[in-house]
Amino acid sequence: MDHKKEIAHHFSNPELAVQEMHRVLKPKGIFILIDNVAPEEAETTKILHQIETLRIHPICAV
């Protein structure tokens, strides 16, 4: 089992990435894609970015 969460927005070619994940998935394996998108409001986007930075890099963000 492998776990990658909220990385799809970094893919330069999402369709190719999903095809490759499907190719290496074991028979009857399960693939779940979880990602998020930035809201249209700039202030909300800024706040969510700050939260994500703290979540991903808690030591660096202090």
PDB file of N, CA and C in Angstrom:
ATOM      1  N   MET A   1       0.846  -1.178   0.000  1.00  0.00           N
ATOM      2  CA  MET A   1       0.000   0.000   0.000  1.00  0.00           C
ATOM      3  C   MET A   1       0.888   1.235   0.000  1.00  0.00           C
ATOM      4  N   ASP A   2       0.472   2.216  -0.727  1.00  0.00           N
ATOM      5  CA  ASP A   2       1.179   3.491  -0.769  1.00  0.00           C
ATOM      6  C   ASP A   2       0.154   4.588  -0.523  1.00  0.00           C
ATOM      7  N   HIS A   3       0.637   5.701  -0.020  1.00  0.00           N
ATOM      8  CA  HIS A   3      -0.267   6.776   0.364  1.00  0.00           C
ATOM      9  C   HIS A   3       0.314   8.100  -0.089  1.00  0.00           C
ATOM     10  N   LYS A   4      -0.377   8.754  -0.962  1.00  0.00           N
ATOM     11  CA  LYS A   4      -0.003  10.100  -1.397  1.00  0.00           C
ATOM     12  C   LYS A   4      -1.270  10.933  -1.361  1.00  0.00           C
ATOM     13  N   LYS A   5      -1.244  12.017  -0.637  1.00  0.00           N
ATOM     14  CA  LYS A   5      -2.449  12.827  -0.472  1.00  0.00           C
ATOM     15  C   LYS A   5      -2.173  14.254  -0.927  1.00  0.00           C
ATOM     16  N   GLU A   6      -3.108  14.797  -1.643  1.00  0.00           N
ATOM     17  CA  GLU A   6      -3.074  16.198  -2.058  1.00  0.00           C
ATOM     18  C   GLU A   6      -1.815  16.533  -2.845  1.00  0.00           C
ATOM     19  N   ILE A   7      -1.531  15.717  -3.862  1.00  0.00           N
ATOM     20  CA  ILE A   7      -0.371  15.977  -4.714  1.00  0.00           C
ATOM     21  C   ILE A   7      -0.761  16.217  -6.164  1.00  0.00           C
ATOM     22  N   ALA A   8      -1.994  15.862  -6.539  1.00  0.00           N
ATOM     23  CA  ALA A   8      -2.391  15.899  -7.949  1.00  0.00           C
ATOM     24  C   ALA A   8      -2.243  17.285  -8.564  1.00  0.00           C
ATOM     25  N   HIS A   9      -2.429  18.335  -7.793  1.00  0.00           N
ATOM     26  CA  HIS A   9      -2.319  19.676  -8.366  1.00  0.00           C
ATOM     27  C   HIS A   9      -0.874  20.011  -8.771  1.00  0.00           C
ATOM     28  N   HIS A  10       0.092  19.154  -8.422  1.00  0.00           N
ATOM     29  CA  HIS A  10       1.486  19.344  -8.830  1.00  0.00           C
ATOM     30  C   HIS A  10       1.811  18.612 -10.130  1.00  0.00           C
ATOM     31  N   PHE A  11       0.918  17.760 -10.620  1.00  0.00           N
ATOM     32  CA  PHE A  11       1.181  16.985 -11.828  1.00  0.00           C
ATOM     33  C   PHE A  11       1.154  17.894 -13.051  1.00  0.00           C
ATOM     34  N   SER A  12       2.174  17.787 -13.892  1.00  0.00           N
ATOM     35  CA  SER A  12       2.160  18.553 -15.139  1.00  0.00           C
ATOM     36  C   SER A  12       1.201  17.926 -16.145  1.00  0.00           C
ATOM     37  N   ASN A  13       0.983  16.609 -16.036  1.00  0.00           N
ATOM     38  CA  ASN A  13       0.063  15.910 -16.925  1.00  0.00           C
ATOM     39  C   ASN A  13      -0.786  14.958 -16.069  1.00  0.00           C
ATOM     40  N   PRO A  14      -1.867  15.452 -15.477  1.00  0.00           N
ATOM     41  CA  PRO A  14      -2.681  14.623 -14.580  1.00  0.00           C
ATOM     42  C   PRO A  14      -3.215  13.347 -15.236  1.00  0.00           C
ATOM     43  N   GLU A  15      -3.622  13.431 -16.492  1.00  0.00           N
ATOM     44  CA  GLU A  15      -4.169  12.247 -17.155  1.00  0.00           C
ATOM     45  C   GLU A  15      -3.106  11.150 -17.265  1.00  0.00           C
ATOM     46  N   LEU A  16      -1.898  11.507 -17.643  1.00  0.00           N
ATOM     47  CA  LEU A  16      -0.808  10.535 -17.743  1.00  0.00           C
ATOM     48  C   LEU A  16      -0.470   9.958 -16.366  1.00  0.00           C
ATOM     49  N   ALA A  17      -0.487  10.795 -15.338  1.00  0.00           N
ATOM     50  CA  ALA A  17      -0.190  10.329 -13.983  1.00  0.00           C
ATOM     51  C   ALA A  17      -1.215   9.287 -13.530  1.00  0.00           C
ATOM     52  N   VAL A  18      -2.495   9.546 -13.794  1.00  0.00           N
ATOM     53  CA  VAL A  18      -3.542   8.604 -13.403  1.00  0.00           C
ATOM     54  C   VAL A  18      -3.424   7.310 -14.209  1.00  0.00           C
ATOM     55  N   GLN A  19      -3.092   7.421 -15.492  1.00  0.00           N
ATOM     56  CA  GLN A  19      -2.887   6.219 -16.308  1.00  0.00           C
ATOM     57  C   GLN A  19      -1.751   5.366 -15.736  1.00  0.00           C
ATOM     58  N   GLU A  20      -0.676   6.006 -15.300  1.00  0.00           N
ATOM     59  CA  GLU A  20       0.457   5.263 -14.738  1.00  0.00           C
ATOM     60  C   GLU A  20       0.076   4.622 -13.404  1.00  0.00           C
ATOM     61  N   MET A  21      -0.675   5.332 -12.582  1.00  0.00           N
ATOM     62  CA  MET A  21      -1.128   4.751 -11.316  1.00  0.00           C
ATOM     63  C   MET A  21      -2.005   3.537 -11.574  1.00  0.00           C
ATOM     64  N   HIS A  22      -2.869   3.641 -12.572  1.00  0.00           N
ATOM     65  CA  HIS A  22      -3.724   2.506 -12.941  1.00  0.00           C
ATOM     66  C   HIS A  22      -2.878   1.337 -13.436  1.00  0.00           C
ATOM     67  N   ARG A  23      -1.838   1.627 -14.200  1.00  0.00           N
ATOM     68  CA  ARG A  23      -0.988   0.574 -14.756  1.00  0.00           C
ATOM     69  C   ARG A  23      -0.314  -0.242 -13.659  1.00  0.00           C
ATOM     70  N   VAL A  24       0.155   0.410 -12.602  1.00  0.00           N
ATOM     71  CA  VAL A  24       0.897  -0.292 -11.551  1.00  0.00           C
ATOM     72  C   VAL A  24       0.008  -0.798 -10.415  1.00  0.00           C
ATOM     73  N   LEU A  25      -1.267  -0.456 -10.457  1.00  0.00           N
ATOM     74  CA  LEU A  25      -2.191  -0.899  -9.411  1.00  0.00           C
ATOM     75  C   LEU A  25      -2.403  -2.407  -9.511  1.00  0.00           C
ATOM     76  N   LYS A  26      -2.339  -3.076  -8.375  1.00  0.00           N
ATOM     77  CA  LYS A  26      -2.565  -4.520  -8.355  1.00  0.00           C
ATOM     78  C   LYS A  26      -4.002  -4.829  -8.769  1.00  0.00           C
ATOM     79  N   PRO A  27      -4.226  -6.029  -9.306  1.00  0.00           N
ATOM     80  CA  PRO A  27      -5.597  -6.412  -9.652  1.00  0.00           C
ATOM     81  C   PRO A  27      -6.520  -6.260  -8.435  1.00  0.00           C
ATOM     82  N   LYS A  28      -7.672  -5.700  -8.668  1.00  0.00           N
ATOM     83  CA  LYS A  28      -8.665  -5.414  -7.620  1.00  0.00           C
ATOM     84  C   LYS A  28      -8.157  -4.407  -6.589  1.00  0.00           C
ATOM     85  N   GLY A  29      -7.064  -3.711  -6.927  1.00  0.00           N
ATOM     86  CA  GLY A  29      -6.553  -2.656  -6.041  1.00  0.00           C
ATOM     87  C   GLY A  29      -7.488  -1.458  -6.067  1.00  0.00           C
ATOM     88  N   ILE A  30      -7.336  -0.613  -5.100  1.00  0.00           N
ATOM     89  CA  ILE A  30      -8.187   0.574  -4.978  1.00  0.00           C
ATOM     90  C   ILE A  30      -7.316   1.811  -5.104  1.00  0.00           C
ATOM     91  N   PHE A  31      -7.763   2.730  -5.925  1.00  0.00           N
ATOM     92  CA  PHE A  31      -7.074   4.001  -6.109  1.00  0.00           C
ATOM     93  C   PHE A  31      -8.031   5.114  -5.711  1.00  0.00           C
ATOM     94  N   ILE A  32      -7.612   5.954  -4.797  1.00  0.00           N
ATOM     95  CA  ILE A  32      -8.431   7.075  -4.349  1.00  0.00           C
ATOM     96  C   ILE A  32      -7.625   8.349  -4.565  1.00  0.00           C
ATOM     97  N   LEU A  33      -8.205   9.292  -5.250  1.00  0.00           N
ATOM     98  CA  LEU A  33      -7.545  10.570  -5.524  1.00  0.00           C
ATOM     99  C   LEU A  33      -8.192  11.646  -4.663  1.00  0.00           C
ATOM    100  N   ILE A  34      -7.382  12.271  -3.825  1.00  0.00           N
ATOM    101  CA  ILE A  34      -7.862  13.352  -2.968  1.00  0.00           C
ATOM    102  C   ILE A  34      -6.991  14.568  -3.241  1.00  0.00           C
ATOM    103  N   ASP A  35      -7.596  15.662  -3.558  1.00  0.00           N
ATOM    104  CA  ASP A  35      -6.846  16.901  -3.777  1.00  0.00           C
ATOM    105  C   ASP A  35      -7.790  18.064  -3.504  1.00  0.00           C
ATOM    106  N   ASN A  36      -7.272  19.253  -3.545  1.00  0.00           N
ATOM    107  CA  ASN A  36      -8.105  20.418  -3.314  1.00  0.00           C
ATOM    108  C   ASN A  36      -7.786  21.488  -4.346  1.00  0.00           C
ATOM    109  N   VAL A  37      -8.651  22.451  -4.446  1.00  0.00           N
ATOM    110  CA  VAL A  37      -8.457  23.579  -5.345  1.00  0.00           C
ATOM    111  C   VAL A  37      -8.567  24.861  -4.528  1.00  0.00           C
ATOM    112  N   ALA A  38      -7.904  25.887  -5.003  1.00  0.00           N
ATOM    113  CA  ALA A  38      -7.950  27.169  -4.308  1.00  0.00           C
ATOM    114  C   ALA A  38      -9.287  27.856  -4.573  1.00  0.00           C
ATOM    115  N   PRO A  39      -9.855  28.469  -3.548  1.00  0.00           N
ATOM    116  CA  PRO A  39     -11.089  29.223  -3.751  1.00  0.00           C
ATOM    117  C   PRO A  39     -10.816  30.484  -4.576  1.00  0.00           C
ATOM    118  N   GLU A  40     -11.851  31.076  -5.088  1.00  0.00           N
ATOM    119  CA  GLU A  40     -11.699  32.267  -5.920  1.00  0.00           C
ATOM    120  C   GLU A  40     -11.309  33.498  -5.112  1.00  0.00           C
ATOM    121  N   GLU A  41     -11.683  33.552  -3.846  1.00  0.00           N
ATOM    122  CA  GLU A  41     -11.386  34.732  -3.028  1.00  0.00           C
ATOM    123  C   GLU A  41      -9.914  34.712  -2.608  1.00  0.00           C
ATOM    124  N   ALA A  42      -9.196  35.782  -2.908  1.00  0.00           N
ATOM    125  CA  ALA A  42      -7.758  35.857  -2.649  1.00  0.00           C
ATOM    126  C   ALA A  42      -7.426  35.704  -1.161  1.00  0.00           C
ATOM    127  N   GLU A  43      -8.195  36.312  -0.290  1.00  0.00           N
ATOM    128  CA  GLU A  43      -7.908  36.248   1.148  1.00  0.00           C
ATOM    129  C   GLU A  43      -8.093  34.822   1.673  1.00  0.00           C
ATOM    130  N   THR A  44      -9.133  34.150   1.222  1.00  0.00           N
ATOM    131  CA  THR A  44      -9.356  32.766   1.633  1.00  0.00           C
ATOM    132  C   THR A  44      -8.241  31.868   1.113  1.00  0.00           C
ATOM    133  N   THR A  45      -7.806  32.085  -0.115  1.00  0.00           N
ATOM    134  CA  THR A  45      -6.694  31.325  -0.685  1.00  0.00           C
ATOM    135  C   THR A  45      -5.439  31.521   0.154  1.00  0.00           C
ATOM    136  N   LYS A  46      -5.178  32.756   0.567  1.00  0.00           N
ATOM    137  CA  LYS A  46      -3.993  33.059   1.379  1.00  0.00           C
ATOM    138  C   LYS A  46      -4.049  32.307   2.715  1.00  0.00           C
ATOM    139  N   ILE A  47      -5.193  32.323   3.363  1.00  0.00           N
ATOM    140  CA  ILE A  47      -5.350  31.646   4.655  1.00  0.00           C
ATOM    141  C   ILE A  47      -5.171  30.138   4.494  1.00  0.00           C
ATOM    142  N   LEU A  48      -5.794  29.556   3.469  1.00  0.00           N
ATOM    143  CA  LEU A  48      -5.643  28.114   3.240  1.00  0.00           C
ATOM    144  C   LEU A  48      -4.204  27.738   2.928  1.00  0.00           C
ATOM    145  N   HIS A  49      -3.503  28.595   2.190  1.00  0.00           N
ATOM    146  CA  HIS A  49      -2.089  28.340   1.901  1.00  0.00           C
ATOM    147  C   HIS A  49      -1.265  28.337   3.191  1.00  0.00           C
ATOM    148  N   GLN A  50      -1.550  29.269   4.075  1.00  0.00           N
ATOM    149  CA  GLN A  50      -0.838  29.317   5.358  1.00  0.00           C
ATOM    150  C   GLN A  50      -1.104  28.050   6.175  1.00  0.00           C
ATOM    151  N   ILE A  51      -2.342  27.599   6.196  1.00  0.00           N
ATOM    152  CA  ILE A  51      -2.689  26.376   6.924  1.00  0.00           C
ATOM    153  C   ILE A  51      -1.965  25.179   6.324  1.00  0.00           C
ATOM    154  N   GLU A  52      -1.971  25.059   5.010  1.00  0.00           N
ATOM    155  CA  GLU A  52      -1.296  23.946   4.347  1.00  0.00           C
ATOM    156  C   GLU A  52       0.207  23.978   4.606  1.00  0.00           C
ATOM    157  N   THR A  53       0.806  25.154   4.606  1.00  0.00           N
ATOM    158  CA  THR A  53       2.237  25.272   4.889  1.00  0.00           C
ATOM    159  C   THR A  53       2.541  24.775   6.297  1.00  0.00           C
ATOM    160  N   LEU A  54       1.713  25.131   7.251  1.00  0.00           N
ATOM    161  CA  LEU A  54       1.900  24.658   8.620  1.00  0.00           C
ATOM    162  C   LEU A  54       1.703  23.148   8.723  1.00  0.00           C
ATOM    163  N   ARG A  55       0.734  22.633   7.968  1.00  0.00           N
ATOM    164  CA  ARG A  55       0.456  21.199   8.008  1.00  0.00           C
ATOM    165  C   ARG A  55       1.593  20.390   7.375  1.00  0.00           C
ATOM    166  N   ILE A  56       2.118  20.865   6.267  1.00  0.00           N
ATOM    167  CA  ILE A  56       3.126  20.126   5.520  1.00  0.00           C
ATOM    168  C   ILE A  56       4.522  20.332   6.113  1.00  0.00           C
ATOM    169  N   HIS A  57       4.828  21.547   6.526  1.00  0.00           N
ATOM    170  CA  HIS A  57       6.161  21.883   7.022  1.00  0.00           C
ATOM    171  C   HIS A  57       6.058  22.552   8.401  1.00  0.00           C
ATOM    172  N   PRO A  58       5.616  21.828   9.429  1.00  0.00           N
ATOM    173  CA  PRO A  58       5.363  22.478  10.714  1.00  0.00           C
ATOM    174  C   PRO A  58       6.603  23.108  11.350  1.00  0.00           C
ATOM    175  N   ILE A  59       7.761  22.500  11.212  1.00  0.00           N
ATOM    176  CA  ILE A  59       8.966  23.055  11.821  1.00  0.00           C
ATOM    177  C   ILE A  59       9.450  24.284  11.072  1.00  0.00           C
ATOM    178  N   CYS A  60       9.401  24.234   9.745  1.00  0.00           N
ATOM    179  CA  CYS A  60       9.882  25.349   8.924  1.00  0.00           C
ATOM    180  C   CYS A  60       8.990  26.569   9.035  1.00  0.00           C
ATOM    181  N   ALA A  61       7.733  26.378   9.352  1.00  0.00           N
ATOM    182  CA  ALA A  61       6.779  27.480   9.363  1.00  0.00           C
ATOM    183  C   ALA A  61       6.792  28.281  10.648  1.00  0.00           C
ATOM    184  N   VAL A  62       7.505  27.825  11.651  1.00  0.00           N
ATOM    185  CA  VAL A  62       7.499  28.505  12.958  1.00  0.00           C
ATOM    186  C   VAL A  62       8.236  29.815  12.873  1.00  0.00           C
TER     187      VAL A  62
END
